Amino acid sequence: MLDSLIVEHRRTDHQFTVYRSGDQPALETWLANHGAATESRPLPPGGPDPFIEVKTDGEVVGVIGVNAVERLLEPPVVSLGDRDDISKGYEVLFKALEKTVFSGMHRRDLLAVSREIEDRAFRIGEGTLRVCFQTLSMFTSQTDVYRTLATETALDIHIHGVEDWTPPAITGITYHTKAAEQFEPYWALAYDGGPDEAYACGLVAQEDSDEYTGFWTNESAIVEEIATTLRTG
């Protein structure tokens, strides 16, 4: 099940070092509050803008500007396809921070990551997008977004969840229901990238007491694992 993917990625050691001057940036607090190993180091006078150094298993894998990441902590308010910073956001979320297992995540956090995946799928306009909304009633607030995805693209969209509500029939969307124990704890998305698996991206999170533990990924093989688990149960 999806929980095995979370357990697997917990074995990876990530370290975030925030280089800053003055007040502590919001992102540093966010990382620490979400269970990520984080430390701070000062910037010299006249030094560069605040940035984060990301290490995985002791090796530097990326450097991110603090401002670029902080803009992604709030779900975007613009419509699908209207964002002019999607490339920057995609790079930050799915390359530097991917496969980091975060704890204590909230729905707002997951919505921000989900919007990145949905916007990527919208822009590519082809391929298969699978989404687990835990219960189908949670799809209610997302109906307009997914109607746009289905009617304005050639995406093959599959919505998974516990059957507690009857969603509207939308051409291009197929609904799948299974037992509560299979889907109810999980929020998951898997987009296969359409014509190019390099665009594949996914998210898995498990709910516990109104908080979530999970990760996002840009690795096509892991995205396929997520999709297969949703498809086969």
Protein backbone atom coordinates (compact mmCIF):
# COMPACT_ATOMS: atom_id res chain seq x y z
CA MET A 1 0.00 0.00 0.00
CA LEU A 2 0.92 3.67 -0.10
CA ASP A 3 2.29 3.62 3.45
CA SER A 4 5.16 1.38 2.32
CA LEU A 5 6.36 4.14 -0.03
CA ILE A 6 6.44 6.61 2.86
CA VAL A 7 8.37 4.15 5.03
CA GLU A 8 10.87 3.55 2.22
CA HIS A 9 11.63 7.25 1.79
CA ARG A 10 12.05 7.79 5.53
CA ARG A 11 15.36 5.93 5.16
CA THR A 12 16.80 8.85 3.16
CA ASP A 13 18.63 11.45 5.28
CA HIS A 14 17.89 15.06 4.29
CA GLN A 15 19.49 18.13 5.84
CA PHE A 16 18.44 21.75 5.19
CA THR A 17 20.77 24.61 6.08
CA VAL A 18 19.21 28.07 5.89
CA TYR A 19 21.66 30.91 5.31
CA ARG A 20 20.11 34.19 6.42
CA SER A 21 20.64 37.56 8.02
CA GLY A 22 18.28 39.26 10.42
CA ASP A 23 14.90 37.79 11.25
CA GLN A 24 14.21 34.12 10.81
CA PRO A 25 12.43 33.51 7.49
CA ALA A 26 9.06 31.78 7.47
CA LEU A 27 10.43 28.85 5.52
CA GLU A 28 12.94 27.93 8.21
CA THR A 29 10.12 27.73 10.73
CA TRP A 30 8.00 25.73 8.29
CA LEU A 31 10.76 23.16 7.70
CA ALA A 32 11.45 22.74 11.42
CA ASN A 33 7.75 22.50 12.28
CA HIS A 34 7.33 19.78 9.67
CA GLY A 35 10.00 17.52 11.07
CA ALA A 36 12.82 18.35 8.64
CA ALA A 37 16.38 18.49 10.00
CA THR A 38 17.15 22.21 9.73
CA GLU A 39 19.92 24.51 10.91
CA SER A 40 20.71 28.20 10.42
CA ARG A 41 23.91 29.97 9.48
CA PRO A 42 24.45 33.73 9.11
CA LEU A 43 25.18 35.49 5.87
CA PRO A 44 28.04 38.01 5.82
CA PRO A 45 27.21 41.70 5.30
CA GLY A 46 26.64 42.37 1.63
CA GLY A 47 26.29 38.66 0.97
CA PRO A 48 23.75 36.96 -1.31
CA ASP A 49 20.01 36.82 -0.70
CA PRO A 50 18.88 34.21 1.86
CA PHE A 51 19.11 30.67 0.50
CA ILE A 52 18.79 27.03 1.55
CA GLU A 53 21.40 24.36 0.99
CA VAL A 54 19.87 20.90 0.60
CA LYS A 55 21.88 17.77 1.41
CA THR A 56 20.74 14.20 0.82
CA ASP A 57 22.68 11.44 2.54
CA GLY A 58 25.48 13.93 3.20
CA GLU A 59 25.84 15.25 -0.36
CA VAL A 60 24.72 18.68 -1.57
CA VAL A 61 21.90 18.16 -4.09
CA GLY A 62 20.62 21.71 -4.49
CA VAL A 63 20.57 25.36 -3.42
CA ILE A 64 17.26 27.25 -3.29
CA GLY A 65 16.47 30.92 -2.78
CA VAL A 66 14.32 31.36 0.33
CA ASN A 67 11.97 33.81 -1.39
CA ALA A 68 11.31 31.40 -4.24
CA VAL A 69 10.21 28.65 -1.88
CA GLU A 70 8.17 30.83 0.47
CA ARG A 71 5.93 31.85 -2.43
CA LEU A 72 4.99 28.20 -2.82
CA LEU A 73 3.80 27.66 0.75
CA GLU A 74 0.40 29.18 0.00
CA PRO A 75 -1.92 27.52 -2.53
CA PRO A 76 -2.05 29.62 -5.72
CA VAL A 77 -5.18 31.69 -6.19
CA VAL A 78 -4.95 32.01 -9.95
CA SER A 79 -6.60 29.70 -12.45
CA LEU A 80 -4.90 26.70 -13.99
CA GLY A 81 -2.36 27.74 -16.60
CA ASP A 82 -2.29 31.40 -15.54
CA ARG A 83 0.84 31.24 -13.41
CA ASP A 84 3.97 32.76 -14.90
CA ASP A 85 6.30 31.17 -12.32
CA ILE A 86 5.37 27.52 -12.86
CA SER A 87 8.84 26.51 -14.10
CA LYS A 88 10.49 28.01 -11.02
CA GLY A 89 7.93 26.46 -8.72
CA TYR A 90 8.23 23.08 -10.36
CA GLU A 91 12.01 23.12 -10.05
CA VAL A 92 11.90 24.07 -6.39
CA LEU A 93 9.22 21.64 -5.28
CA PHE A 94 10.06 18.59 -7.34
CA LYS A 95 13.82 18.70 -7.70
CA ALA A 96 15.34 20.16 -4.54
CA LEU A 97 12.74 19.05 -1.98
CA GLU A 98 11.50 15.85 -3.60
CA LYS A 99 11.46 12.56 -1.69
CA THR A 100 11.84 14.36 1.62
CA VAL A 101 9.35 12.84 4.07
CA PHE A 102 7.67 15.67 5.97
CA SER A 103 5.60 15.21 9.14
CA GLY A 104 3.01 17.56 10.59
CA MET A 105 1.87 18.78 7.16
CA HIS A 106 -1.55 20.42 6.90
CA ARG A 107 -4.13 20.46 4.14
CA ARG A 108 -2.86 23.87 3.00
CA ASP A 109 0.61 22.41 2.44
CA LEU A 110 -0.72 19.48 0.43
CA LEU A 111 -2.98 21.73 -1.60
CA ALA A 112 0.01 23.84 -2.65
CA VAL A 113 1.90 20.75 -3.84
CA SER A 114 -1.22 19.32 -5.50
CA ARG A 115 -1.72 22.55 -7.44
CA GLU A 116 1.80 22.26 -8.84
CA ILE A 117 1.03 18.74 -10.10
CA GLU A 118 -2.34 19.72 -11.52
CA ASP A 119 -0.89 22.77 -13.25
CA ARG A 120 1.87 20.67 -14.80
CA ALA A 121 -0.72 18.19 -16.09
CA PHE A 122 -2.82 21.06 -17.44
CA ARG A 123 0.09 22.62 -19.31
CA ILE A 124 1.21 19.32 -20.85
CA GLY A 125 -2.42 18.48 -21.62
CA GLU A 126 -1.88 14.75 -22.23
CA GLY A 127 -1.31 11.60 -20.22
CA THR A 128 -2.94 10.06 -17.17
CA LEU A 129 -3.60 11.78 -13.86
CA ARG A 130 -4.70 9.67 -10.89
CA VAL A 131 -5.86 11.34 -7.69
CA CYS A 132 -6.95 9.96 -4.32
CA PHE A 133 -9.20 12.37 -2.44
CA GLN A 134 -9.58 10.04 0.57
CA THR A 135 -13.38 10.29 0.43
CA LEU A 136 -15.28 11.31 -2.69
CA SER A 137 -17.05 14.07 -0.74
CA MET A 138 -13.65 15.82 -0.47
CA PHE A 139 -13.78 16.15 -4.25
CA THR A 140 -16.71 18.58 -3.92
CA SER A 141 -14.54 21.70 -3.56
CA GLN A 142 -12.26 20.56 -6.40
CA THR A 143 -14.97 19.81 -8.96
CA ASP A 144 -14.50 23.03 -10.95
CA VAL A 145 -10.72 22.57 -11.11
CA TYR A 146 -11.07 19.04 -12.44
CA ARG A 147 -13.85 19.95 -14.83
CA THR A 148 -11.38 22.43 -16.35
CA LEU A 149 -8.65 19.80 -16.46
CA ALA A 150 -10.99 17.32 -18.16
CA THR A 151 -12.66 19.64 -20.68
CA GLU A 152 -9.70 21.77 -21.73
CA THR A 153 -7.11 18.99 -22.13
CA ALA A 154 -6.79 15.44 -23.46
CA LEU A 155 -5.94 14.13 -19.98
CA ASP A 156 -7.27 10.76 -18.82
CA ILE A 157 -8.30 11.52 -15.23
CA HIS A 158 -9.08 8.94 -12.55
CA ILE A 159 -10.49 9.94 -9.16
CA HIS A 160 -10.19 7.44 -6.28
CA GLY A 161 -11.88 7.57 -2.89
CA VAL A 162 -14.29 6.12 -0.39
CA GLU A 163 -17.86 6.30 -1.69
CA ASP A 164 -19.68 8.74 0.58
CA TRP A 165 -20.97 11.12 -2.13
CA THR A 166 -22.07 10.86 -5.75
CA PRO A 167 -19.80 13.09 -7.87
CA PRO A 168 -21.05 14.65 -11.12
CA ALA A 169 -20.49 12.87 -14.41
CA ILE A 170 -17.72 14.70 -16.31
CA THR A 171 -16.39 13.53 -19.67
CA GLY A 172 -12.76 12.54 -19.25
CA ILE A 173 -13.06 11.65 -15.55
CA THR A 174 -13.52 8.11 -14.22
CA TYR A 175 -14.38 7.51 -10.57
CA HIS A 176 -13.14 4.53 -8.57
CA THR A 177 -14.30 3.49 -5.10
CA LYS A 178 -12.93 0.91 -2.68
CA ALA A 179 -13.00 0.08 1.01
CA ALA A 180 -12.32 2.84 3.53
CA GLU A 181 -9.17 1.24 4.91
CA GLN A 182 -7.61 1.29 1.41
CA PHE A 183 -8.11 4.97 0.64
CA GLU A 184 -9.40 7.01 3.56
CA PRO A 185 -6.04 7.79 5.25
CA TYR A 186 -4.33 8.85 2.01
CA TRP A 187 -4.01 11.94 -0.16
CA ALA A 188 -2.19 11.03 -3.37
CA LEU A 189 -1.63 12.23 -6.93
CA ALA A 190 0.27 10.60 -9.78
CA TYR A 191 0.76 12.26 -13.17
CA ASP A 192 2.68 10.16 -15.70
CA GLY A 193 4.00 13.12 -17.71
CA GLY A 194 2.06 12.36 -20.87
CA PRO A 195 4.37 12.18 -23.89
CA ASP A 196 7.54 12.58 -21.79
CA GLU A 197 8.06 10.77 -18.47
CA ALA A 198 10.51 13.51 -17.50
CA TYR A 199 7.40 15.55 -16.62
CA ALA A 200 6.06 12.85 -14.27
CA CYS A 201 5.36 13.95 -10.69
CA GLY A 202 3.48 12.64 -7.70
CA LEU A 203 2.51 13.07 -4.07
CA VAL A 204 1.72 10.64 -1.25
CA ALA A 205 0.56 11.68 2.23
CA GLN A 206 -1.03 9.76 5.09
CA GLU A 207 -3.38 11.47 7.55
CA ASP A 208 -3.14 11.04 11.30
CA SER A 209 -5.09 13.28 13.69
CA ASP A 210 -5.65 16.06 11.11
CA GLU A 211 -1.95 16.14 10.14
CA TYR A 212 -0.18 14.43 7.28
CA THR A 213 3.11 12.65 6.75
CA GLY A 214 4.32 12.26 3.19
CA PHE A 215 6.54 13.25 0.27
CA TRP A 216 6.42 14.40 -3.34
CA THR A 217 8.52 13.11 -6.20
CA ASN A 218 9.69 13.84 -9.71
CA GLU A 219 10.92 10.28 -10.35
CA SER A 220 8.84 8.48 -12.97
CA ALA A 221 9.38 5.02 -11.46
CA ILE A 222 8.01 6.16 -8.09
CA VAL A 223 5.11 7.94 -9.79
CA GLU A 224 4.29 4.68 -11.53
CA GLU A 225 4.33 2.88 -8.16
CA ILE A 226 1.83 5.41 -6.80
CA ALA A 227 -0.39 5.04 -9.87
CA THR A 228 -0.24 1.24 -9.76
CA THR A 229 -1.18 1.19 -6.08
CA LEU A 230 -4.16 3.47 -6.73
CA ARG A 231 -5.20 1.42 -9.73
CA THR A 232 -4.91 -2.03 -8.16
CA GLY A 233 -5.58 -1.20 -4.49
